[in-house]
Amino acid sequence: MHLQLNNYAQRWAEKLANDDAGLVHSQSYDYGENLYATRYQNVKGRDAVAPWYAEVKNYKFPPDFGSIYPLDKIGKCIRSLLP
């Protein structure tokens, strides 16, 4: 796991939990954010990833997209499922 990314995500999650501003994206351009909220408990990671991953059908990627942007949403999704 990437320690710097993990720390950033943890700090932002704690800020969201403590603020009354709702579920909002940070103003940072260092990392992408994929926010997910539900009223249900005991949600598994795949429950959040499935609707996010389904968005791929809404995009038309250029043929060289994977080589230019290796951390696109699909790449992040696949990486999140790796051990």
N, C-alpha and C. Protein backbone atom coordinates (compact mmCIF):
# COMPACT_ATOMS: atom_id res chain seq x y z
N MET A 1 0.85 -1.17 0.00
CA MET A 1 0.00 0.00 0.00
C MET A 1 0.89 1.24 0.00
N HIS A 2 0.46 2.25 -0.65
CA HIS A 2 1.19 3.51 -0.73
C HIS A 2 0.89 4.32 0.53
N LEU A 3 1.90 4.46 1.40
CA LEU A 3 1.70 5.08 2.71
C LEU A 3 1.22 6.53 2.60
N GLN A 4 1.82 7.30 1.71
CA GLN A 4 1.42 8.71 1.57
C GLN A 4 -0.04 8.82 1.11
N LEU A 5 -0.43 8.01 0.14
CA LEU A 5 -1.81 8.01 -0.34
C LEU A 5 -2.77 7.56 0.76
N ASN A 6 -2.38 6.53 1.49
CA ASN A 6 -3.21 6.03 2.57
C ASN A 6 -3.43 7.12 3.63
N ASN A 7 -2.36 7.81 4.00
CA ASN A 7 -2.47 8.87 5.01
C ASN A 7 -3.35 10.01 4.52
N TYR A 8 -3.20 10.38 3.26
CA TYR A 8 -4.03 11.43 2.68
C TYR A 8 -5.51 11.03 2.74
N ALA A 9 -5.79 9.81 2.31
CA ALA A 9 -7.18 9.33 2.30
C ALA A 9 -7.76 9.28 3.70
N GLN A 10 -6.96 8.84 4.66
CA GLN A 10 -7.43 8.76 6.04
C GLN A 10 -7.75 10.16 6.59
N ARG A 11 -6.86 11.11 6.35
CA ARG A 11 -7.10 12.48 6.83
C ARG A 11 -8.38 13.06 6.21
N TRP A 12 -8.57 12.84 4.90
CA TRP A 12 -9.76 13.38 4.24
C TRP A 12 -11.03 12.69 4.76
N ALA A 13 -10.97 11.39 4.97
CA ALA A 13 -12.14 10.66 5.51
C ALA A 13 -12.49 11.18 6.90
N GLU A 14 -11.48 11.42 7.72
CA GLU A 14 -11.74 11.94 9.07
C GLU A 14 -12.32 13.35 9.02
N LYS A 15 -11.83 14.17 8.08
CA LYS A 15 -12.38 15.52 7.93
C LYS A 15 -13.85 15.45 7.52
N LEU A 16 -14.16 14.60 6.56
CA LEU A 16 -15.55 14.46 6.14
C LEU A 16 -16.43 13.98 7.28
N ALA A 17 -15.90 13.06 8.08
CA ALA A 17 -16.68 12.52 9.20
C ALA A 17 -16.94 13.58 10.26
N ASN A 18 -16.01 14.53 10.42
CA ASN A 18 -16.14 15.53 11.48
C ASN A 18 -16.80 16.82 11.03
N ASP A 19 -16.81 17.10 9.74
CA ASP A 19 -17.43 18.33 9.22
C ASP A 19 -18.91 18.08 8.97
N ASP A 20 -19.64 19.15 8.82
CA ASP A 20 -21.06 19.05 8.52
C ASP A 20 -21.32 19.50 7.08
N ALA A 21 -20.33 19.34 6.22
CA ALA A 21 -20.45 19.82 4.85
C ALA A 21 -20.96 18.75 3.90
N GLY A 22 -21.15 17.55 4.37
CA GLY A 22 -21.61 16.47 3.50
C GLY A 22 -20.45 15.78 2.82
N LEU A 23 -20.77 14.95 1.89
CA LEU A 23 -19.78 14.17 1.15
C LEU A 23 -19.31 14.99 -0.04
N VAL A 24 -18.13 15.56 0.07
CA VAL A 24 -17.61 16.45 -0.97
C VAL A 24 -16.19 16.05 -1.34
N HIS A 25 -15.81 16.39 -2.57
CA HIS A 25 -14.44 16.15 -3.02
C HIS A 25 -13.53 17.20 -2.41
N SER A 26 -12.29 16.84 -2.17
CA SER A 26 -11.30 17.81 -1.71
C SER A 26 -10.94 18.73 -2.87
N GLN A 27 -10.21 19.75 -2.57
CA GLN A 27 -9.76 20.67 -3.61
C GLN A 27 -8.36 20.30 -4.10
N SER A 28 -7.86 19.16 -3.69
CA SER A 28 -6.53 18.71 -4.06
C SER A 28 -6.56 18.13 -5.47
N TYR A 29 -5.52 18.41 -6.22
CA TYR A 29 -5.38 17.83 -7.55
C TYR A 29 -4.29 16.76 -7.56
N ASP A 30 -3.80 16.40 -6.37
CA ASP A 30 -2.75 15.40 -6.27
C ASP A 30 -3.26 13.99 -6.50
N TYR A 31 -4.50 13.73 -6.07
CA TYR A 31 -5.07 12.39 -6.16
C TYR A 31 -6.51 12.48 -6.63
N GLY A 32 -6.95 11.43 -7.31
CA GLY A 32 -8.35 11.34 -7.67
C GLY A 32 -9.14 10.81 -6.48
N GLU A 33 -10.41 11.08 -6.46
CA GLU A 33 -11.27 10.61 -5.37
C GLU A 33 -12.52 9.98 -5.95
N ASN A 34 -12.89 8.89 -5.41
CA ASN A 34 -14.15 8.23 -5.78
C ASN A 34 -14.91 8.03 -4.48
N LEU A 35 -15.88 8.90 -4.27
CA LEU A 35 -16.64 8.89 -3.01
C LEU A 35 -17.86 8.00 -3.15
N TYR A 36 -18.22 7.37 -2.05
CA TYR A 36 -19.36 6.47 -2.03
C TYR A 36 -20.05 6.60 -0.69
N ALA A 37 -21.36 6.67 -0.71
CA ALA A 37 -22.14 6.73 0.52
C ALA A 37 -23.33 5.80 0.41
N THR A 38 -23.70 5.25 1.52
CA THR A 38 -24.89 4.40 1.58
C THR A 38 -25.48 4.47 2.97
N ARG A 39 -26.73 4.17 3.09
CA ARG A 39 -27.36 4.15 4.41
C ARG A 39 -27.30 2.76 5.03
N TYR A 40 -26.80 1.82 4.27
CA TYR A 40 -26.73 0.44 4.75
C TYR A 40 -25.43 0.20 5.51
N GLN A 41 -25.48 -0.74 6.41
CA GLN A 41 -24.28 -1.14 7.15
C GLN A 41 -23.71 -2.41 6.53
N ASN A 42 -22.51 -2.74 6.93
CA ASN A 42 -21.85 -3.96 6.46
C ASN A 42 -21.71 -4.01 4.95
N VAL A 43 -21.32 -2.90 4.37
CA VAL A 43 -21.12 -2.82 2.93
C VAL A 43 -19.71 -3.30 2.60
N LYS A 44 -19.60 -4.14 1.62
CA LYS A 44 -18.30 -4.63 1.18
C LYS A 44 -17.72 -3.68 0.14
N GLY A 45 -16.42 -3.69 -0.01
CA GLY A 45 -15.76 -2.83 -0.97
C GLY A 45 -16.32 -2.97 -2.38
N ARG A 46 -16.63 -4.19 -2.76
CA ARG A 46 -17.15 -4.41 -4.12
C ARG A 46 -18.51 -3.74 -4.32
N ASP A 47 -19.26 -3.50 -3.22
CA ASP A 47 -20.54 -2.81 -3.34
C ASP A 47 -20.34 -1.35 -3.75
N ALA A 48 -19.24 -0.77 -3.32
CA ALA A 48 -18.91 0.60 -3.71
C ALA A 48 -18.27 0.63 -5.09
N VAL A 49 -17.46 -0.36 -5.39
CA VAL A 49 -16.70 -0.36 -6.65
C VAL A 49 -17.59 -0.66 -7.85
N ALA A 50 -18.59 -1.51 -7.69
CA ALA A 50 -19.41 -1.94 -8.83
C ALA A 50 -20.09 -0.78 -9.56
N PRO A 51 -20.80 0.13 -8.88
CA PRO A 51 -21.42 1.24 -9.63
C PRO A 51 -20.39 2.21 -10.20
N TRP A 52 -19.29 2.38 -9.51
CA TRP A 52 -18.22 3.25 -9.99
C TRP A 52 -17.59 2.65 -11.25
N TYR A 53 -17.32 1.37 -11.23
CA TYR A 53 -16.74 0.69 -12.39
C TYR A 53 -17.71 0.69 -13.57
N ALA A 54 -19.00 0.62 -13.30
CA ALA A 54 -20.01 0.60 -14.37
C ALA A 54 -20.00 1.89 -15.19
N GLU A 55 -19.43 2.96 -14.65
CA GLU A 55 -19.36 4.22 -15.38
C GLU A 55 -18.51 4.12 -16.64
N VAL A 56 -17.68 3.10 -16.76
CA VAL A 56 -16.77 2.99 -17.89
C VAL A 56 -17.52 3.01 -19.22
N LYS A 57 -18.75 2.55 -19.24
CA LYS A 57 -19.53 2.52 -20.48
C LYS A 57 -19.87 3.94 -20.96
N ASN A 58 -19.71 4.93 -20.10
CA ASN A 58 -20.03 6.31 -20.46
C ASN A 58 -18.85 7.05 -21.12
N TYR A 59 -17.72 6.39 -21.21
CA TYR A 59 -16.51 7.05 -21.72
C TYR A 59 -16.05 6.42 -23.03
N LYS A 60 -15.49 7.26 -23.88
CA LYS A 60 -14.82 6.79 -25.10
C LYS A 60 -13.36 7.16 -24.94
N PHE A 61 -12.54 6.15 -24.71
CA PHE A 61 -11.13 6.38 -24.47
C PHE A 61 -10.35 6.33 -25.78
N PRO A 62 -9.34 7.19 -25.92
CA PRO A 62 -8.49 7.09 -27.11
C PRO A 62 -7.70 5.80 -27.06
N PRO A 63 -7.24 5.30 -28.21
CA PRO A 63 -6.54 4.02 -28.26
C PRO A 63 -5.32 3.94 -27.34
N ASP A 64 -4.62 5.06 -27.14
CA ASP A 64 -3.42 5.03 -26.31
C ASP A 64 -3.67 5.48 -24.88
N PHE A 65 -4.92 5.52 -24.46
CA PHE A 65 -5.27 6.04 -23.13
C PHE A 65 -4.54 5.31 -22.01
N GLY A 66 -4.50 4.00 -22.08
CA GLY A 66 -3.86 3.22 -21.02
C GLY A 66 -2.38 3.52 -20.85
N SER A 67 -1.71 3.87 -21.92
CA SER A 67 -0.29 4.17 -21.81
C SER A 67 -0.05 5.62 -21.36
N ILE A 68 -1.00 6.50 -21.64
CA ILE A 68 -0.85 7.90 -21.24
C ILE A 68 -1.31 8.11 -19.80
N TYR A 69 -2.41 7.50 -19.42
CA TYR A 69 -2.99 7.65 -18.10
C TYR A 69 -3.11 6.28 -17.43
N PRO A 70 -2.02 5.74 -16.93
CA PRO A 70 -2.07 4.39 -16.38
C PRO A 70 -2.91 4.26 -15.11
N LEU A 71 -3.24 5.36 -14.46
CA LEU A 71 -4.04 5.29 -13.24
C LEU A 71 -5.46 5.78 -13.48
N ASP A 72 -6.01 5.46 -14.64
CA ASP A 72 -7.40 5.83 -14.92
C ASP A 72 -8.32 5.06 -13.97
N LYS A 73 -9.61 5.32 -14.03
CA LYS A 73 -10.55 4.67 -13.11
C LYS A 73 -10.49 3.15 -13.21
N ILE A 74 -10.38 2.64 -14.41
CA ILE A 74 -10.34 1.19 -14.57
C ILE A 74 -9.09 0.63 -13.91
N GLY A 75 -7.97 1.28 -14.13
CA GLY A 75 -6.73 0.84 -13.51
C GLY A 75 -6.81 0.88 -12.01
N LYS A 76 -7.38 1.94 -11.46
CA LYS A 76 -7.54 2.03 -10.00
C LYS A 76 -8.44 0.92 -9.49
N CYS A 77 -9.49 0.64 -10.24
CA CYS A 77 -10.42 -0.41 -9.83
C CYS A 77 -9.73 -1.76 -9.79
N ILE A 78 -9.01 -2.07 -10.84
CA ILE A 78 -8.30 -3.35 -10.90
C ILE A 78 -7.27 -3.43 -9.80
N ARG A 79 -6.51 -2.36 -9.60
CA ARG A 79 -5.49 -2.37 -8.55
C ARG A 79 -6.12 -2.55 -7.17
N SER A 80 -7.30 -1.97 -6.96
CA SER A 80 -7.95 -2.09 -5.65
C SER A 80 -8.36 -3.52 -5.33
N LEU A 81 -8.50 -4.34 -6.36
CA LEU A 81 -8.91 -5.72 -6.15
C LEU A 81 -7.74 -6.67 -5.99
N LEU A 82 -6.53 -6.17 -6.25
CA LEU A 82 -5.34 -7.01 -6.12
C LEU A 82 -4.93 -7.13 -4.65
N PRO A 83 -4.31 -8.26 -4.30
CA PRO A 83 -3.88 -8.40 -2.89
C PRO A 83 -2.74 -7.48 -2.54
